[in-house]
């Protein structure tokens, strides 16, 4: 068991996020690929699992899943800056303690440069097949789950939220207890407890190294991730010339994924949130989108005129 002790100040600082963390999604996807989480909890991800296996070669899967043991999630998997030899070595120490070193992992532990290069390639290939084709669906599921959690916290209190994050997490007014294979007491020491929905998770993930000022608990969303993202319709050259390329792309993205937030739009287009906000302001003023506030989030959807513009543009 890991016990996280929370003072009243700690509880007041708890934060729920609504934006996807694709590094943690990669960690979660690896746990599913390694069969650490079993049905029926994974039924909503069954099609994702089938598609992921179809896209992956056996060598890549064996390298990635060989890094997992029960309750031991390799945090460096989703963080390029953690791929240094020292970070890999720390994780391998945990595997060795559990007597789960494969031949490939033993080569990693011995500092074999070829093995480290193969690991980096396998992780990149796994991410390309298991996460990247689902980015928009993942973002949507996380946004919906985060908003739902925030609403429940506001209406029923954070205690109820902590009590219902996951069956393996218990709350008793001052201590959050997570069912793990190790015994450990964790003090926040001024850090913020962050609750992060994960679309590709069936179990929880605890990471207290991602951010120096935060302890992150990833918990599964209830939403199904099935087919890969559909292709976003592109605006015609004429519409791009009229609105500007980035603004036309913003309208196309909002049309494809109504209820998208400004932050998600910025991520989809590779823009800063401020730039995405400027584009949505112009589109709204032109009557091409509507904007509504959903708690702390701002969501956008196309008007009939905006939808018609994109549809006509695609036929042009």
C-alpha atoms as a PDB file:
ATOM      1  CA  UNK A   1       0.000   0.000   0.000  1.00  0.00           C
ATOM      2  CA  UNK A   2       1.053   3.562  -0.686  1.00  0.00           C
ATOM      3  CA  UNK A   3      -0.456   6.017   1.750  1.00  0.00           C
ATOM      4  CA  UNK A   4      -0.603   9.684   0.783  1.00  0.00           C
ATOM      5  CA  UNK A   5      -1.205  11.821   3.850  1.00  0.00           C
ATOM      6  CA  UNK A   6      -3.158  15.015   3.159  1.00  0.00           C
ATOM      7  CA  UNK A   7      -3.521  18.023   5.403  1.00  0.00           C
ATOM      8  CA  UNK A   8      -6.437  20.432   5.031  1.00  0.00           C
ATOM      9  CA  UNK A   9      -4.127  22.707   3.011  1.00  0.00           C
ATOM     10  CA  UNK A  10      -3.171  19.769   0.764  1.00  0.00           C
ATOM     11  CA  UNK A  11      -6.838  19.008   0.165  1.00  0.00           C
ATOM     12  CA  UNK A  12      -7.544  22.641  -0.705  1.00  0.00           C
ATOM     13  CA  UNK A  13      -4.754  22.578  -3.315  1.00  0.00           C
ATOM     14  CA  UNK A  14      -5.922  19.435  -5.140  1.00  0.00           C
ATOM     15  CA  UNK A  15      -6.148  20.136  -8.866  1.00  0.00           C
ATOM     16  CA  UNK A  16      -8.045  18.261 -11.588  1.00  0.00           C
ATOM     17  CA  UNK A  17      -6.720  18.610 -15.133  1.00  0.00           C
ATOM     18  CA  UNK A  18      -8.681  18.419 -18.374  1.00  0.00           C
ATOM     19  CA  UNK A  19      -5.864  18.308 -20.930  1.00  0.00           C
ATOM     20  CA  UNK A  20      -4.286  15.063 -22.105  1.00  0.00           C
ATOM     21  CA  UNK A  21      -0.772  14.070 -21.090  1.00  0.00           C
ATOM     22  CA  UNK A  22       0.357  11.832 -23.936  1.00  0.00           C
ATOM     23  CA  UNK A  23       3.430  10.682 -22.042  1.00  0.00           C
ATOM     24  CA  UNK A  24       1.248   9.229 -19.294  1.00  0.00           C
ATOM     25  CA  UNK A  25      -1.133   7.852 -21.932  1.00  0.00           C
ATOM     26  CA  UNK A  26       1.840   6.015 -23.409  1.00  0.00           C
ATOM     27  CA  UNK A  27       2.665   4.579 -19.993  1.00  0.00           C
ATOM     28  CA  UNK A  28      -0.972   3.473 -19.590  1.00  0.00           C
ATOM     29  CA  UNK A  29      -1.078   1.978 -23.083  1.00  0.00           C
ATOM     30  CA  UNK A  30       2.048  -0.010 -22.324  1.00  0.00           C
ATOM     31  CA  UNK A  31       0.407  -1.441 -19.208  1.00  0.00           C
ATOM     32  CA  UNK A  32      -2.570  -2.554 -21.307  1.00  0.00           C
ATOM     33  CA  UNK A  33      -0.295  -4.062 -23.941  1.00  0.00           C
ATOM     34  CA  UNK A  34       1.523  -5.930 -21.165  1.00  0.00           C
ATOM     35  CA  UNK A  35      -1.856  -7.302 -19.962  1.00  0.00           C
ATOM     36  CA  UNK A  36      -1.443  -5.804 -16.494  1.00  0.00           C
ATOM     37  CA  UNK A  37      -5.090  -4.717 -16.542  1.00  0.00           C
ATOM     38  CA  UNK A  38      -7.592  -7.429 -17.295  1.00  0.00           C
ATOM     39  CA  UNK A  39     -11.231  -7.559 -18.530  1.00  0.00           C
ATOM     40  CA  UNK A  40     -13.880  -6.534 -17.743  1.00  0.00           C
ATOM     41  CA  UNK A  41     -12.161  -3.242 -16.875  1.00  0.00           C
ATOM     42  CA  UNK A  42     -10.573  -3.097 -20.336  1.00  0.00           C
ATOM     43  CA  UNK A  43     -13.677  -3.805 -22.424  1.00  0.00           C
ATOM     44  CA  UNK A  44     -13.990  -0.144 -23.416  1.00  0.00           C
ATOM     45  CA  UNK A  45     -10.443  -0.394 -24.806  1.00  0.00           C
ATOM     46  CA  UNK A  46     -10.786  -3.805 -26.480  1.00  0.00           C
ATOM     47  CA  UNK A  47     -10.892  -2.397 -30.017  1.00  0.00           C
ATOM     48  CA  UNK A  48      -7.974  -0.075 -29.286  1.00  0.00           C
ATOM     49  CA  UNK A  49      -6.025  -3.083 -28.034  1.00  0.00           C
ATOM     50  CA  UNK A  50      -6.778  -5.082 -31.181  1.00  0.00           C
ATOM     51  CA  UNK A  51      -5.814  -2.192 -33.459  1.00  0.00           C
ATOM     52  CA  UNK A  52      -2.629  -1.534 -31.508  1.00  0.00           C
ATOM     53  CA  UNK A  53      -1.554  -5.168 -31.792  1.00  0.00           C
ATOM     54  CA  UNK A  54      -2.328  -5.178 -35.512  1.00  0.00           C
ATOM     55  CA  UNK A  55      -0.144  -2.107 -36.076  1.00  0.00           C
ATOM     56  CA  UNK A  56       2.791  -3.369 -33.997  1.00  0.00           C
ATOM     57  CA  UNK A  57       5.425  -5.956 -34.801  1.00  0.00           C
ATOM     58  CA  UNK A  58       6.168  -8.593 -32.196  1.00  0.00           C
ATOM     59  CA  UNK A  59       9.684  -7.308 -31.519  1.00  0.00           C
ATOM     60  CA  UNK A  60       8.503  -3.806 -30.602  1.00  0.00           C
ATOM     61  CA  UNK A  61       5.782  -5.175 -28.314  1.00  0.00           C
ATOM     62  CA  UNK A  62       8.168  -7.537 -26.561  1.00  0.00           C
ATOM     63  CA  UNK A  63      10.671  -4.738 -25.881  1.00  0.00           C
ATOM     64  CA  UNK A  64       8.045  -2.328 -24.555  1.00  0.00           C
ATOM     65  CA  UNK A  65       5.984  -4.798 -22.517  1.00  0.00           C
ATOM     66  CA  UNK A  66       9.164  -6.336 -21.096  1.00  0.00           C
ATOM     67  CA  UNK A  67       9.639  -3.087 -19.164  1.00  0.00           C
ATOM     68  CA  UNK A  68       6.448  -3.676 -17.175  1.00  0.00           C
ATOM     69  CA  UNK A  69       5.730  -5.745 -14.129  1.00  0.00           C
ATOM     70  CA  UNK A  70       2.625  -5.595 -11.954  1.00  0.00           C
ATOM     71  CA  UNK A  71       2.335  -2.165 -10.279  1.00  0.00           C
ATOM     72  CA  UNK A  72       5.728  -1.124 -11.646  1.00  0.00           C
ATOM     73  CA  UNK A  73       5.063   1.372 -14.429  1.00  0.00           C
ATOM     74  CA  UNK A  74       8.160   2.709 -16.229  1.00  0.00           C
ATOM     75  CA  UNK A  75       7.715   6.457 -15.961  1.00  0.00           C
ATOM     76  CA  UNK A  76      10.650   7.200 -18.261  1.00  0.00           C
ATOM     77  CA  UNK A  77       8.718   5.464 -21.061  1.00  0.00           C
ATOM     78  CA  UNK A  78       6.584   8.517 -21.746  1.00  0.00           C
ATOM     79  CA  UNK A  79       9.257  11.157 -21.128  1.00  0.00           C
ATOM     80  CA  UNK A  80      11.994  11.647 -23.736  1.00  0.00           C
ATOM     81  CA  UNK A  81      14.081  13.484 -21.137  1.00  0.00           C
ATOM     82  CA  UNK A  82      14.008  10.371 -18.967  1.00  0.00           C
ATOM     83  CA  UNK A  83      15.634   8.137 -21.516  1.00  0.00           C
ATOM     84  CA  UNK A  84      19.116   8.798 -20.143  1.00  0.00           C
ATOM     85  CA  UNK A  85      21.000   5.692 -19.088  1.00  0.00           C
ATOM     86  CA  UNK A  86      20.598   6.579 -15.405  1.00  0.00           C
ATOM     87  CA  UNK A  87      16.791   6.719 -15.668  1.00  0.00           C
ATOM     88  CA  UNK A  88      16.652   3.382 -17.477  1.00  0.00           C
ATOM     89  CA  UNK A  89      19.029   1.897 -14.907  1.00  0.00           C
ATOM     90  CA  UNK A  90      16.791   3.025 -12.031  1.00  0.00           C
ATOM     91  CA  UNK A  91      13.820   1.260 -13.592  1.00  0.00           C
ATOM     92  CA  UNK A  92      15.819  -1.867 -14.317  1.00  0.00           C
ATOM     93  CA  UNK A  93      16.867  -2.006 -10.666  1.00  0.00           C
ATOM     94  CA  UNK A  94      13.187  -2.374  -9.821  1.00  0.00           C
ATOM     95  CA  UNK A  95      12.778  -5.161 -12.359  1.00  0.00           C
ATOM     96  CA  UNK A  96      15.849  -6.944 -11.030  1.00  0.00           C
ATOM     97  CA  UNK A  97      14.481  -6.752  -7.477  1.00  0.00           C
ATOM     98  CA  UNK A  98      11.339  -8.461  -8.721  1.00  0.00           C
ATOM     99  CA  UNK A  99      13.456 -11.021 -10.617  1.00  0.00           C
ATOM    100  CA  UNK A 100      11.905  -9.996 -13.944  1.00  0.00           C
ATOM    101  CA  UNK A 101      14.919  -9.124 -16.112  1.00  0.00           C
ATOM    102  CA  UNK A 102      14.542 -10.426 -19.659  1.00  0.00           C
ATOM    103  CA  UNK A 103      17.595 -11.058 -21.809  1.00  0.00           C
ATOM    104  CA  UNK A 104      17.023  -7.728 -23.535  1.00  0.00           C
ATOM    105  CA  UNK A 105      16.626  -5.915 -20.209  1.00  0.00           C
ATOM    106  CA  UNK A 106      19.826  -7.536 -18.999  1.00  0.00           C
ATOM    107  CA  UNK A 107      21.589  -6.044 -22.016  1.00  0.00           C
ATOM    108  CA  UNK A 108      20.140  -2.662 -21.085  1.00  0.00           C
ATOM    109  CA  UNK A 109      21.334  -3.110 -17.511  1.00  0.00           C
ATOM    110  CA  UNK A 110      24.812  -3.917 -18.798  1.00  0.00           C
ATOM    111  CA  UNK A 111      24.880  -0.621 -20.704  1.00  0.00           C
ATOM    112  CA  UNK A 112      24.727  -2.160 -24.185  1.00  0.00           C
ATOM    113  CA  UNK A 113      24.485   0.850 -26.546  1.00  0.00           C
ATOM    114  CA  UNK A 114      22.727  -1.139 -29.262  1.00  0.00           C
ATOM    115  CA  UNK A 115      20.073  -2.262 -26.797  1.00  0.00           C
ATOM    116  CA  UNK A 116      19.520   1.337 -25.659  1.00  0.00           C
ATOM    117  CA  UNK A 117      19.126   2.444 -29.283  1.00  0.00           C
ATOM    118  CA  UNK A 118      16.655  -0.381 -29.909  1.00  0.00           C
ATOM    119  CA  UNK A 119      14.703   0.647 -26.805  1.00  0.00           C
ATOM    120  CA  UNK A 120      14.394   4.244 -28.002  1.00  0.00           C
ATOM    121  CA  UNK A 121      13.243   3.052 -31.439  1.00  0.00           C
ATOM    122  CA  UNK A 122      10.731   0.599 -29.965  1.00  0.00           C
ATOM    123  CA  UNK A 123       9.196   3.270 -27.723  1.00  0.00           C
ATOM    124  CA  UNK A 124       8.896   5.683 -30.651  1.00  0.00           C
ATOM    125  CA  UNK A 125       7.285   2.973 -32.795  1.00  0.00           C
ATOM    126  CA  UNK A 126       4.898   1.980 -30.009  1.00  0.00           C
ATOM    127  CA  UNK A 127       3.834   5.587 -29.496  1.00  0.00           C
ATOM    128  CA  UNK A 128       3.284   6.016 -33.256  1.00  0.00           C
ATOM    129  CA  UNK A 129       0.958   3.004 -33.343  1.00  0.00           C
ATOM    130  CA  UNK A 130      -0.729   3.109 -29.934  1.00  0.00           C
ATOM    131  CA  UNK A 131      -1.136   6.806 -29.136  1.00  0.00           C
ATOM    132  CA  UNK A 132      -0.665   9.134 -32.090  1.00  0.00           C
ATOM    133  CA  UNK A 133      -3.579   7.780 -34.212  1.00  0.00           C
ATOM    134  CA  UNK A 134      -5.946   8.453 -31.279  1.00  0.00           C
ATOM    135  CA  UNK A 135      -4.788  11.875 -30.097  1.00  0.00           C
ATOM    136  CA  UNK A 136      -8.057  13.707 -30.677  1.00  0.00           C
ATOM    137  CA  UNK A 137     -10.216  10.945 -29.226  1.00  0.00           C
ATOM    138  CA  UNK A 138      -7.916  10.783 -26.203  1.00  0.00           C
ATOM    139  CA  UNK A 139      -8.069  14.576 -25.772  1.00  0.00           C
ATOM    140  CA  UNK A 140     -11.849  14.524 -25.971  1.00  0.00           C
ATOM    141  CA  UNK A 141     -12.200  11.681 -23.440  1.00  0.00           C
ATOM    142  CA  UNK A 142      -9.818  13.368 -21.003  1.00  0.00           C
ATOM    143  CA  UNK A 143     -11.567  16.735 -21.322  1.00  0.00           C
ATOM    144  CA  UNK A 144     -14.970  15.184 -20.674  1.00  0.00           C
ATOM    145  CA  UNK A 145     -13.735  13.156 -17.706  1.00  0.00           C
ATOM    146  CA  UNK A 146     -11.880  16.111 -16.196  1.00  0.00           C
ATOM    147  CA  UNK A 147     -14.931  18.362 -16.503  1.00  0.00           C
ATOM    148  CA  UNK A 148     -17.079  15.646 -14.949  1.00  0.00           C
ATOM    149  CA  UNK A 149     -14.711  15.299 -11.995  1.00  0.00           C
ATOM    150  CA  UNK A 150     -14.582  19.065 -11.447  1.00  0.00           C
ATOM    151  CA  UNK A 151     -18.370  19.256 -11.503  1.00  0.00           C
ATOM    152  CA  UNK A 152     -18.675  16.409  -8.989  1.00  0.00           C
ATOM    153  CA  UNK A 153     -16.111  18.022  -6.703  1.00  0.00           C
ATOM    154  CA  UNK A 154     -18.022  21.307  -6.807  1.00  0.00           C
ATOM    155  CA  UNK A 155     -21.404  19.701  -6.142  1.00  0.00           C
ATOM    156  CA  UNK A 156     -20.528  16.849  -3.780  1.00  0.00           C
ATOM    157  CA  UNK A 157     -17.103  17.668  -2.384  1.00  0.00           C
ATOM    158  CA  UNK A 158     -13.581  16.484  -3.124  1.00  0.00           C
ATOM    159  CA  UNK A 159     -13.960  13.657  -0.596  1.00  0.00           C
ATOM    160  CA  UNK A 160     -16.481  11.894  -2.799  1.00  0.00           C
ATOM    161  CA  UNK A 161     -14.200  12.335  -5.795  1.00  0.00           C
ATOM    162  CA  UNK A 162     -11.234  10.814  -3.961  1.00  0.00           C
ATOM    163  CA  UNK A 163     -13.430   7.933  -2.753  1.00  0.00           C
ATOM    164  CA  UNK A 164     -14.545   7.028  -6.274  1.00  0.00           C
ATOM    165  CA  UNK A 165     -11.447   7.569  -8.414  1.00  0.00           C
ATOM    166  CA  UNK A 166     -10.770   3.835  -8.717  1.00  0.00           C
ATOM    167  CA  UNK A 167     -11.673   0.639  -6.803  1.00  0.00           C
ATOM    168  CA  UNK A 168      -8.021   0.286  -5.731  1.00  0.00           C
ATOM    169  CA  UNK A 169      -7.937   3.765  -4.153  1.00  0.00           C
ATOM    170  CA  UNK A 170      -9.479   4.445  -0.733  1.00  0.00           C
ATOM    171  CA  UNK A 171     -10.013   7.722   1.111  1.00  0.00           C
ATOM    172  CA  UNK A 172     -10.543   8.086   4.865  1.00  0.00           C
ATOM    173  CA  UNK A 173     -10.612  11.878   5.412  1.00  0.00           C
ATOM    174  CA  UNK A 174      -6.875  12.421   5.775  1.00  0.00           C
ATOM    175  CA  UNK A 175      -5.157   9.556   3.947  1.00  0.00           C
ATOM    176  CA  UNK A 176      -5.428   8.376   0.370  1.00  0.00           C
ATOM    177  CA  UNK A 177      -4.486   4.696   0.189  1.00  0.00           C
ATOM    178  CA  UNK A 178      -3.431   3.133  -3.117  1.00  0.00           C
ATOM    179  CA  UNK A 179      -3.268  -0.645  -3.454  1.00  0.00           C
ATOM    180  CA  UNK A 180       0.293  -1.455  -4.585  1.00  0.00           C
ATOM    181  CA  UNK A 181       2.855  -4.184  -4.037  1.00  0.00           C
ATOM    182  CA  UNK A 182       5.026  -1.947  -1.865  1.00  0.00           C
ATOM    183  CA  UNK A 183       4.525  -0.352   1.553  1.00  0.00           C
ATOM    184  CA  UNK A 184       5.236   3.351   1.515  1.00  0.00           C
ATOM    185  CA  UNK A 185       4.074   6.567   3.187  1.00  0.00           C
ATOM    186  CA  UNK A 186       4.144   9.665   1.002  1.00  0.00           C
ATOM    187  CA  UNK A 187       4.009  13.231   2.286  1.00  0.00           C
ATOM    188  CA  UNK A 188       3.233  15.999  -0.183  1.00  0.00           C
ATOM    189  CA  UNK A 189       5.521  18.503   1.560  1.00  0.00           C
ATOM    190  CA  UNK A 190       3.837  21.456  -0.100  1.00  0.00           C
ATOM    191  CA  UNK A 191       3.401  19.775  -3.483  1.00  0.00           C
ATOM    192  CA  UNK A 192       0.043  19.798  -5.260  1.00  0.00           C
ATOM    193  CA  UNK A 193      -1.911  16.580  -5.680  1.00  0.00           C
ATOM    194  CA  UNK A 194      -2.979  16.480  -9.325  1.00  0.00           C
ATOM    195  CA  UNK A 195      -5.797  14.205 -10.504  1.00  0.00           C
ATOM    196  CA  UNK A 196      -5.366  13.360 -14.179  1.00  0.00           C
ATOM    197  CA  UNK A 197      -7.884  11.393 -16.276  1.00  0.00           C
ATOM    198  CA  UNK A 198      -6.242   8.848 -18.605  1.00  0.00           C
ATOM    199  CA  UNK A 199      -8.080   7.563 -21.672  1.00  0.00           C
ATOM    200  CA  UNK A 200      -5.854   4.494 -22.137  1.00  0.00           C
ATOM    201  CA  UNK A 201      -5.859   3.439 -18.493  1.00  0.00           C
ATOM    202  CA  UNK A 202      -7.866   0.750 -16.776  1.00  0.00           C
ATOM    203  CA  UNK A 203      -5.962   1.040 -13.492  1.00  0.00           C
ATOM    204  CA  UNK A 204      -4.378   3.966 -11.719  1.00  0.00           C
ATOM    205  CA  UNK A 205      -0.881   5.372 -12.161  1.00  0.00           C
ATOM    206  CA  UNK A 206       1.021   7.255  -9.467  1.00  0.00           C
ATOM    207  CA  UNK A 207       3.895   9.473 -10.562  1.00  0.00           C
ATOM    208  CA  UNK A 208       5.632  11.841  -8.173  1.00  0.00           C
ATOM    209  CA  UNK A 209       8.566  12.636 -10.479  1.00  0.00           C
ATOM    210  CA  UNK A 210       6.817  14.213 -13.476  1.00  0.00           C
ATOM    211  CA  UNK A 211       6.630  17.674 -11.949  1.00  0.00           C
ATOM    212  CA  UNK A 212       8.855  18.843  -9.082  1.00  0.00           C
ATOM    213  CA  UNK A 213       5.930  20.573  -7.386  1.00  0.00           C
ATOM    214  CA  UNK A 214       3.254  17.933  -7.945  1.00  0.00           C
ATOM    215  CA  UNK A 215       2.239  14.357  -7.213  1.00  0.00           C
ATOM    216  CA  UNK A 216       0.105  13.001 -10.049  1.00  0.00           C
ATOM    217  CA  UNK A 217      -2.526  10.287  -9.816  1.00  0.00           C
ATOM    218  CA  UNK A 218      -3.750   9.120 -13.212  1.00  0.00           C
ATOM    219  CA  UNK A 219      -7.158   7.458 -13.179  1.00  0.00           C
ATOM    220  CA  UNK A 220      -9.186   5.891 -16.025  1.00  0.00           C
ATOM    221  CA  UNK A 221     -11.877   7.743 -17.917  1.00  0.00           C
ATOM    222  CA  UNK A 222     -15.160   5.870 -18.487  1.00  0.00           C
ATOM    223  CA  UNK A 223     -15.159   6.587 -22.228  1.00  0.00           C
ATOM    224  CA  UNK A 224     -14.490   4.131 -25.030  1.00  0.00           C
ATOM    225  CA  UNK A 225     -11.503   4.587 -27.314  1.00  0.00           C
ATOM    226  CA  UNK A 226     -12.249   2.582 -30.417  1.00  0.00           C
ATOM    227  CA  UNK A 227     -11.470   3.670 -33.968  1.00  0.00           C
ATOM    228  CA  UNK A 228      -8.494   5.910 -34.749  1.00  0.00           C
ATOM    229  CA  UNK A 229      -9.118   9.597 -35.342  1.00  0.00           C
ATOM    230  CA  UNK A 230     -10.916  10.465 -38.544  1.00  0.00           C
ATOM    231  CA  UNK A 231      -9.084  12.742 -40.918  1.00  0.00           C
ATOM    232  CA  UNK A 232      -9.845  16.382 -40.179  1.00  0.00           C
ATOM    233  CA  UNK A 233     -11.392  18.039 -43.248  1.00  0.00           C
ATOM    234  CA  UNK A 234      -9.084  20.550 -44.842  1.00  0.00           C
ATOM    235  CA  UNK A 235     -10.133  23.949 -46.075  1.00  0.00           C
ATOM    236  CA  UNK A 236      -9.882  24.767 -49.752  1.00  0.00           C
ATOM    237  CA  UNK A 237      -7.197  27.202 -50.971  1.00  0.00           C
ATOM    238  CA  UNK A 238      -9.970  29.746 -51.548  1.00  0.00           C
ATOM    239  CA  UNK A 239     -11.240  29.534 -47.960  1.00  0.00           C
ATOM    240  CA  UNK A 240      -7.670  29.587 -46.626  1.00  0.00           C
ATOM    241  CA  UNK A 241      -7.007  32.711 -48.661  1.00  0.00           C
ATOM    242  CA  UNK A 242     -10.170  34.308 -47.285  1.00  0.00           C
ATOM    243  CA  UNK A 243      -9.655  33.431 -43.609  1.00  0.00           C
ATOM    244  CA  UNK A 244      -5.930  32.799 -43.494  1.00  0.00           C
ATOM    245  CA  UNK A 245      -4.390  29.340 -43.369  1.00  0.00           C
ATOM    246  CA  UNK A 246      -4.274  28.917 -39.575  1.00  0.00           C
ATOM    247  CA  UNK A 247      -7.759  30.350 -39.078  1.00  0.00           C
ATOM    248  CA  UNK A 248      -9.229  28.096 -41.768  1.00  0.00           C
ATOM    249  CA  UNK A 249      -7.507  25.116 -40.118  1.00  0.00           C
ATOM    250  CA  UNK A 250      -8.984  26.179 -36.771  1.00  0.00           C
ATOM    251  CA  UNK A 251     -12.490  26.275 -38.265  1.00  0.00           C
ATOM    252  CA  UNK A 252     -11.979  22.847 -39.853  1.00  0.00           C
ATOM    253  CA  UNK A 253     -10.761  21.395 -36.546  1.00  0.00           C
ATOM    254  CA  UNK A 254     -13.685  22.832 -34.579  1.00  0.00           C
ATOM    255  CA  UNK A 255     -16.084  21.502 -37.206  1.00  0.00           C
ATOM    256  CA  UNK A 256     -14.606  18.021 -36.881  1.00  0.00           C
ATOM    257  CA  UNK A 257     -14.560  18.025 -33.082  1.00  0.00           C
ATOM    258  CA  UNK A 258     -17.314  20.217 -31.619  1.00  0.00           C
ATOM    259  CA  UNK A 259     -16.912  21.074 -27.917  1.00  0.00           C
ATOM    260  CA  UNK A 260     -13.148  21.279 -28.348  1.00  0.00           C
ATOM    261  CA  UNK A 261     -11.462  23.557 -25.818  1.00  0.00           C
ATOM    262  CA  UNK A 262      -9.077  26.367 -26.682  1.00  0.00           C
ATOM    263  CA  UNK A 263      -6.185  24.389 -25.223  1.00  0.00           C
ATOM    264  CA  UNK A 264      -7.037  21.297 -27.257  1.00  0.00           C
ATOM    265  CA  UNK A 265      -7.382  23.415 -30.381  1.00  0.00           C
ATOM    266  CA  UNK A 266      -3.956  24.929 -29.759  1.00  0.00           C
ATOM    267  CA  UNK A 267      -2.441  21.462 -29.352  1.00  0.00           C
ATOM    268  CA  UNK A 268      -4.111  20.127 -32.495  1.00  0.00           C
ATOM    269  CA  UNK A 269      -2.833  23.040 -34.587  1.00  0.00           C
ATOM    270  CA  UNK A 270       0.570  23.381 -32.962  1.00  0.00           C
ATOM    271  CA  UNK A 271      -0.214  26.929 -31.795  1.00  0.00           C
ATOM    272  CA  UNK A 272       0.116  28.729 -28.490  1.00  0.00           C
ATOM    273  CA  UNK A 273      -3.102  28.977 -26.468  1.00  0.00           C
ATOM    274  CA  UNK A 274      -3.037  32.757 -26.973  1.00  0.00           C
ATOM    275  CA  UNK A 275      -2.859  32.366 -30.765  1.00  0.00           C
ATOM    276  CA  UNK A 276      -5.666  29.798 -30.759  1.00  0.00           C
ATOM    277  CA  UNK A 277      -7.775  32.145 -28.624  1.00  0.00           C
ATOM    278  CA  UNK A 278      -7.253  34.989 -31.116  1.00  0.00           C
ATOM    279  CA  UNK A 279      -8.399  32.751 -33.960  1.00  0.00           C
ATOM    280  CA  UNK A 280     -11.532  31.641 -32.103  1.00  0.00           C
ATOM    281  CA  UNK A 281     -12.374  35.261 -31.285  1.00  0.00           C
ATOM    282  CA  UNK A 282     -12.278  36.213 -34.980  1.00  0.00           C
ATOM    283  CA  UNK A 283     -14.265  33.113 -35.995  1.00  0.00           C
ATOM    284  CA  UNK A 284     -16.868  33.812 -33.325  1.00  0.00           C
ATOM    285  CA  UNK A 285     -17.181  37.470 -34.324  1.00  0.00           C
ATOM    286  CA  UNK A 286     -17.696  36.339 -37.928  1.00  0.00           C
ATOM    287  CA  UNK A 287     -20.550  34.049 -36.875  1.00  0.00           C
ATOM    288  CA  UNK A 288     -18.682  30.862 -37.833  1.00  0.00           C
ATOM    289  CA  UNK A 289     -18.454  29.327 -34.344  1.00  0.00           C
ATOM    290  CA  UNK A 290     -20.193  29.580 -30.985  1.00  0.00           C
ATOM    291  CA  UNK A 291     -18.283  29.612 -27.703  1.00  0.00           C
ATOM    292  CA  UNK A 292     -19.609  28.467 -24.336  1.00  0.00           C
ATOM    293  CA  UNK A 293     -17.992  28.325 -20.920  1.00  0.00           C
ATOM    294  CA  UNK A 294     -17.966  24.914 -19.243  1.00  0.00           C
ATOM    295  CA  UNK A 295     -16.634  25.499 -15.732  1.00  0.00           C
ATOM    296  CA  UNK A 296     -13.036  26.647 -16.135  1.00  0.00           C
ATOM    297  CA  UNK A 297     -12.935  25.512 -19.780  1.00  0.00           C
ATOM    298  CA  UNK A 298     -14.028  27.392 -22.893  1.00  0.00           C
ATOM    299  CA  UNK A 299     -15.501  25.151 -25.590  1.00  0.00           C
ATOM    300  CA  UNK A 300     -16.158  25.883 -29.247  1.00  0.00           C
ATOM    301  CA  UNK A 301     -18.589  24.453 -31.778  1.00  0.00           C
ATOM    302  CA  UNK A 302     -19.333  25.416 -35.376  1.00  0.00           C
ATOM    303  CA  UNK A 303     -22.421  27.338 -36.387  1.00  0.00           C
ATOM    304  CA  UNK A 304     -24.430  26.194 -39.385  1.00  0.00           C
ATOM    305  CA  UNK A 305     -22.599  28.795 -41.469  1.00  0.00           C
ATOM    306  CA  UNK A 306     -19.212  27.522 -40.307  1.00  0.00           C
ATOM    307  CA  UNK A 307     -20.155  23.915 -41.066  1.00  0.00           C
ATOM    308  CA  UNK A 308     -21.459  24.848 -44.501  1.00  0.00           C
ATOM    309  CA  UNK A 309     -18.283  26.758 -45.300  1.00  0.00           C
ATOM    310  CA  UNK A 310     -16.110  23.763 -44.502  1.00  0.00           C
ATOM    311  CA  UNK A 311     -18.437  21.343 -46.313  1.00  0.00           C
ATOM    312  CA  UNK A 312     -18.555  23.510 -49.426  1.00  0.00           C
ATOM    313  CA  UNK A 313     -14.807  24.018 -49.195  1.00  0.00           C
ATOM    314  CA  UNK A 314     -14.231  20.281 -49.195  1.00  0.00           C
ATOM    315  CA  UNK A 315     -16.305  19.877 -52.352  1.00  0.00           C
ATOM    316  CA  UNK A 316     -14.576  22.711 -54.152  1.00  0.00           C
END
